[in-house]
Amino acid sequence: MPIINVRLASPMPDDEKCQEIIADLTDYFETKLGKKRERIVVMLDEINPNHIGFAGNSVERIKNAEFINNYTLKDE
């Protein structure tokens, strides 16, 4: 039984888009991997952007900052 766990930084897509993602991932695992559709589990998790970081900075901070050369933040 495949369990597909997708973690997305908030904000989450709307319900319609989430349904599309679930359907598309289910289709992919069924057609590409030969898994039984009724056994495929898809979970979409929302992660607070302050709880994800790159190069020592949260996604929220990066999103709100101006950068120089590949995610290097200016001195504050």
N, C-alpha and C. Protein backbone atom coordinates (compact mmCIF):
# COMPACT_ATOMS: atom_id res chain seq x y z
N MET A 1 0.85 -1.18 0.00
CA MET A 1 0.00 0.00 0.00
C MET A 1 0.90 1.24 0.00
N PRO A 2 0.92 1.98 -1.09
CA PRO A 2 1.72 3.20 -1.11
C PRO A 2 1.05 4.30 -0.28
N ILE A 3 1.87 4.97 0.50
CA ILE A 3 1.43 6.14 1.24
C ILE A 3 2.25 7.31 0.72
N ILE A 4 1.58 8.26 0.11
CA ILE A 4 2.24 9.41 -0.49
C ILE A 4 1.99 10.60 0.43
N ASN A 5 3.05 11.13 1.01
CA ASN A 5 2.92 12.26 1.93
C ASN A 5 3.59 13.47 1.29
N VAL A 6 2.79 14.49 1.00
CA VAL A 6 3.30 15.72 0.40
C VAL A 6 3.20 16.82 1.44
N ARG A 7 4.32 17.47 1.69
CA ARG A 7 4.34 18.56 2.66
C ARG A 7 4.50 19.87 1.91
N LEU A 8 3.60 20.78 2.17
CA LEU A 8 3.59 22.07 1.49
C LEU A 8 3.66 23.18 2.52
N ALA A 9 4.49 24.18 2.24
CA ALA A 9 4.51 25.37 3.10
C ALA A 9 3.19 26.11 2.91
N SER A 10 2.60 26.55 4.02
CA SER A 10 1.34 27.28 3.91
C SER A 10 1.57 28.60 3.19
N PRO A 11 0.57 29.12 2.54
CA PRO A 11 -0.81 28.65 2.57
C PRO A 11 -1.02 27.46 1.63
N MET A 12 -1.90 26.58 2.05
CA MET A 12 -2.25 25.42 1.24
C MET A 12 -3.06 25.88 0.03
N PRO A 13 -2.99 25.12 -1.06
CA PRO A 13 -3.89 25.41 -2.19
C PRO A 13 -5.34 25.25 -1.74
N ASP A 14 -6.26 25.79 -2.52
CA ASP A 14 -7.67 25.63 -2.16
C ASP A 14 -8.08 24.16 -2.30
N ASP A 15 -9.28 23.83 -1.81
CA ASP A 15 -9.75 22.44 -1.78
C ASP A 15 -9.79 21.81 -3.17
N GLU A 16 -10.19 22.59 -4.15
CA GLU A 16 -10.26 22.08 -5.53
C GLU A 16 -8.87 21.67 -6.03
N LYS A 17 -7.88 22.50 -5.79
CA LYS A 17 -6.51 22.22 -6.21
C LYS A 17 -5.95 21.02 -5.43
N CYS A 18 -6.26 20.92 -4.14
CA CYS A 18 -5.82 19.77 -3.36
C CYS A 18 -6.41 18.48 -3.94
N GLN A 19 -7.68 18.51 -4.32
CA GLN A 19 -8.31 17.33 -4.93
C GLN A 19 -7.60 16.95 -6.23
N GLU A 20 -7.22 17.95 -7.03
CA GLU A 20 -6.48 17.68 -8.27
C GLU A 20 -5.14 17.01 -7.98
N ILE A 21 -4.44 17.51 -6.98
CA ILE A 21 -3.14 16.94 -6.61
C ILE A 21 -3.32 15.49 -6.18
N ILE A 22 -4.31 15.23 -5.34
CA ILE A 22 -4.58 13.86 -4.87
C ILE A 22 -4.91 12.95 -6.06
N ALA A 23 -5.77 13.41 -6.95
CA ALA A 23 -6.15 12.60 -8.11
C ALA A 23 -4.94 12.35 -9.03
N ASP A 24 -4.15 13.39 -9.27
CA ASP A 24 -2.99 13.25 -10.16
C ASP A 24 -1.95 12.28 -9.58
N LEU A 25 -1.67 12.39 -8.29
CA LEU A 25 -0.71 11.48 -7.67
C LEU A 25 -1.22 10.04 -7.67
N THR A 26 -2.51 9.87 -7.42
CA THR A 26 -3.11 8.54 -7.47
C THR A 26 -2.99 7.96 -8.87
N ASP A 27 -3.33 8.75 -9.88
CA ASP A 27 -3.21 8.29 -11.27
C ASP A 27 -1.77 7.89 -11.60
N TYR A 28 -0.83 8.71 -11.17
CA TYR A 28 0.58 8.44 -11.46
C TYR A 28 1.03 7.11 -10.85
N PHE A 29 0.73 6.91 -9.59
CA PHE A 29 1.15 5.68 -8.93
C PHE A 29 0.45 4.45 -9.52
N GLU A 30 -0.79 4.64 -9.96
CA GLU A 30 -1.52 3.53 -10.59
C GLU A 30 -0.91 3.19 -11.95
N THR A 31 -0.68 4.20 -12.78
CA THR A 31 -0.21 3.92 -14.15
C THR A 31 1.29 3.65 -14.23
N LYS A 32 2.09 4.40 -13.52
CA LYS A 32 3.55 4.27 -13.62
C LYS A 32 4.11 3.13 -12.77
N LEU A 33 3.47 2.87 -11.63
CA LEU A 33 4.01 1.87 -10.72
C LEU A 33 3.14 0.62 -10.61
N GLY A 34 1.98 0.65 -11.28
CA GLY A 34 1.11 -0.51 -11.28
C GLY A 34 0.44 -0.80 -9.95
N LYS A 35 0.29 0.21 -9.13
CA LYS A 35 -0.35 0.03 -7.82
C LYS A 35 -1.87 0.05 -7.96
N LYS A 36 -2.55 -0.67 -7.07
CA LYS A 36 -4.01 -0.69 -7.08
C LYS A 36 -4.54 0.63 -6.54
N ARG A 37 -5.37 1.27 -7.33
CA ARG A 37 -5.91 2.59 -7.01
C ARG A 37 -6.54 2.63 -5.61
N GLU A 38 -7.29 1.61 -5.28
CA GLU A 38 -8.01 1.59 -4.00
C GLU A 38 -7.09 1.43 -2.80
N ARG A 39 -5.81 1.14 -3.05
CA ARG A 39 -4.84 0.97 -1.96
C ARG A 39 -3.91 2.17 -1.81
N ILE A 40 -4.04 3.16 -2.67
CA ILE A 40 -3.14 4.32 -2.65
C ILE A 40 -3.68 5.37 -1.67
N VAL A 41 -2.82 5.80 -0.76
CA VAL A 41 -3.17 6.82 0.22
C VAL A 41 -2.35 8.07 -0.08
N VAL A 42 -3.00 9.21 -0.19
CA VAL A 42 -2.32 10.49 -0.41
C VAL A 42 -2.66 11.41 0.76
N MET A 43 -1.62 11.98 1.37
CA MET A 43 -1.82 12.92 2.47
C MET A 43 -1.12 14.22 2.13
N LEU A 44 -1.82 15.32 2.27
CA LEU A 44 -1.24 16.65 2.06
C LEU A 44 -1.12 17.32 3.42
N ASP A 45 0.09 17.63 3.81
CA ASP A 45 0.34 18.27 5.10
C ASP A 45 0.74 19.72 4.89
N GLU A 46 0.18 20.58 5.72
CA GLU A 46 0.53 21.99 5.70
C GLU A 46 1.59 22.27 6.75
N ILE A 47 2.68 22.86 6.33
CA ILE A 47 3.78 23.19 7.22
C ILE A 47 3.89 24.71 7.34
N ASN A 48 3.99 25.18 8.56
CA ASN A 48 4.19 26.60 8.79
C ASN A 48 5.52 27.02 8.16
N PRO A 49 5.54 28.07 7.31
CA PRO A 49 6.78 28.48 6.66
C PRO A 49 7.87 28.93 7.64
N ASN A 50 7.51 29.21 8.87
CA ASN A 50 8.52 29.52 9.88
C ASN A 50 9.20 28.26 10.41
N HIS A 51 8.66 27.09 10.05
CA HIS A 51 9.21 25.82 10.53
C HIS A 51 10.03 25.11 9.46
N ILE A 52 10.32 25.77 8.36
CA ILE A 52 11.14 25.22 7.28
C ILE A 52 12.26 26.22 7.02
N GLY A 53 13.48 25.73 6.87
CA GLY A 53 14.58 26.67 6.66
C GLY A 53 15.56 26.22 5.61
N PHE A 54 16.20 27.17 4.98
CA PHE A 54 17.28 26.99 4.02
C PHE A 54 18.42 27.90 4.44
N ALA A 55 19.61 27.37 4.48
CA ALA A 55 20.80 28.18 4.77
C ALA A 55 20.64 28.99 6.06
N GLY A 56 19.96 28.40 7.03
CA GLY A 56 19.81 29.06 8.32
C GLY A 56 18.70 30.08 8.41
N ASN A 57 17.88 30.18 7.38
CA ASN A 57 16.78 31.15 7.37
C ASN A 57 15.47 30.45 7.09
N SER A 58 14.41 30.86 7.78
CA SER A 58 13.10 30.26 7.55
C SER A 58 12.57 30.66 6.17
N VAL A 59 11.71 29.82 5.64
CA VAL A 59 11.09 30.13 4.35
C VAL A 59 10.33 31.45 4.44
N GLU A 60 9.67 31.68 5.55
CA GLU A 60 8.94 32.94 5.72
C GLU A 60 9.89 34.13 5.65
N ARG A 61 11.02 34.01 6.31
CA ARG A 61 12.00 35.10 6.30
C ARG A 61 12.56 35.31 4.88
N ILE A 62 12.86 34.22 4.21
CA ILE A 62 13.38 34.31 2.84
C ILE A 62 12.35 34.94 1.93
N LYS A 63 11.09 34.51 2.08
CA LYS A 63 10.00 35.01 1.24
C LYS A 63 9.84 36.52 1.40
N ASN A 64 10.08 37.02 2.59
CA ASN A 64 9.86 38.44 2.87
C ASN A 64 11.11 39.29 2.72
N ALA A 65 12.23 38.69 2.38
CA ALA A 65 13.49 39.43 2.32
C ALA A 65 13.95 39.64 0.88
N GLU A 66 14.85 40.55 0.70
CA GLU A 66 15.55 40.70 -0.58
C GLU A 66 16.80 39.84 -0.48
N PHE A 67 17.14 39.13 -1.54
CA PHE A 67 18.33 38.32 -1.47
C PHE A 67 19.40 38.78 -2.42
N ILE A 68 20.58 38.23 -2.13
CA ILE A 68 21.75 38.39 -2.98
C ILE A 68 22.30 36.99 -3.21
N ASN A 69 22.56 36.61 -4.43
CA ASN A 69 23.21 35.33 -4.76
C ASN A 69 22.68 34.12 -4.02
N ASN A 70 21.68 33.47 -4.57
CA ASN A 70 21.19 32.18 -4.06
C ASN A 70 20.85 32.16 -2.58
N TYR A 71 19.86 32.90 -2.18
CA TYR A 71 19.30 32.86 -0.84
C TYR A 71 20.20 33.41 0.26
N THR A 72 21.14 34.25 -0.07
CA THR A 72 21.92 34.90 0.97
C THR A 72 21.21 36.18 1.32
N LEU A 73 20.79 36.30 2.56
CA LEU A 73 20.05 37.48 2.99
C LEU A 73 21.01 38.62 3.28
N LYS A 74 20.52 39.83 3.02
CA LYS A 74 21.28 41.02 3.38
C LYS A 74 21.38 41.11 4.90
N ASP A 75 22.46 41.70 5.38
CA ASP A 75 22.58 41.92 6.82
C ASP A 75 21.47 42.85 7.28
N GLU A 76 20.95 42.55 8.42
CA GLU A 76 19.87 43.40 8.95
C GLU A 76 20.40 44.31 10.02
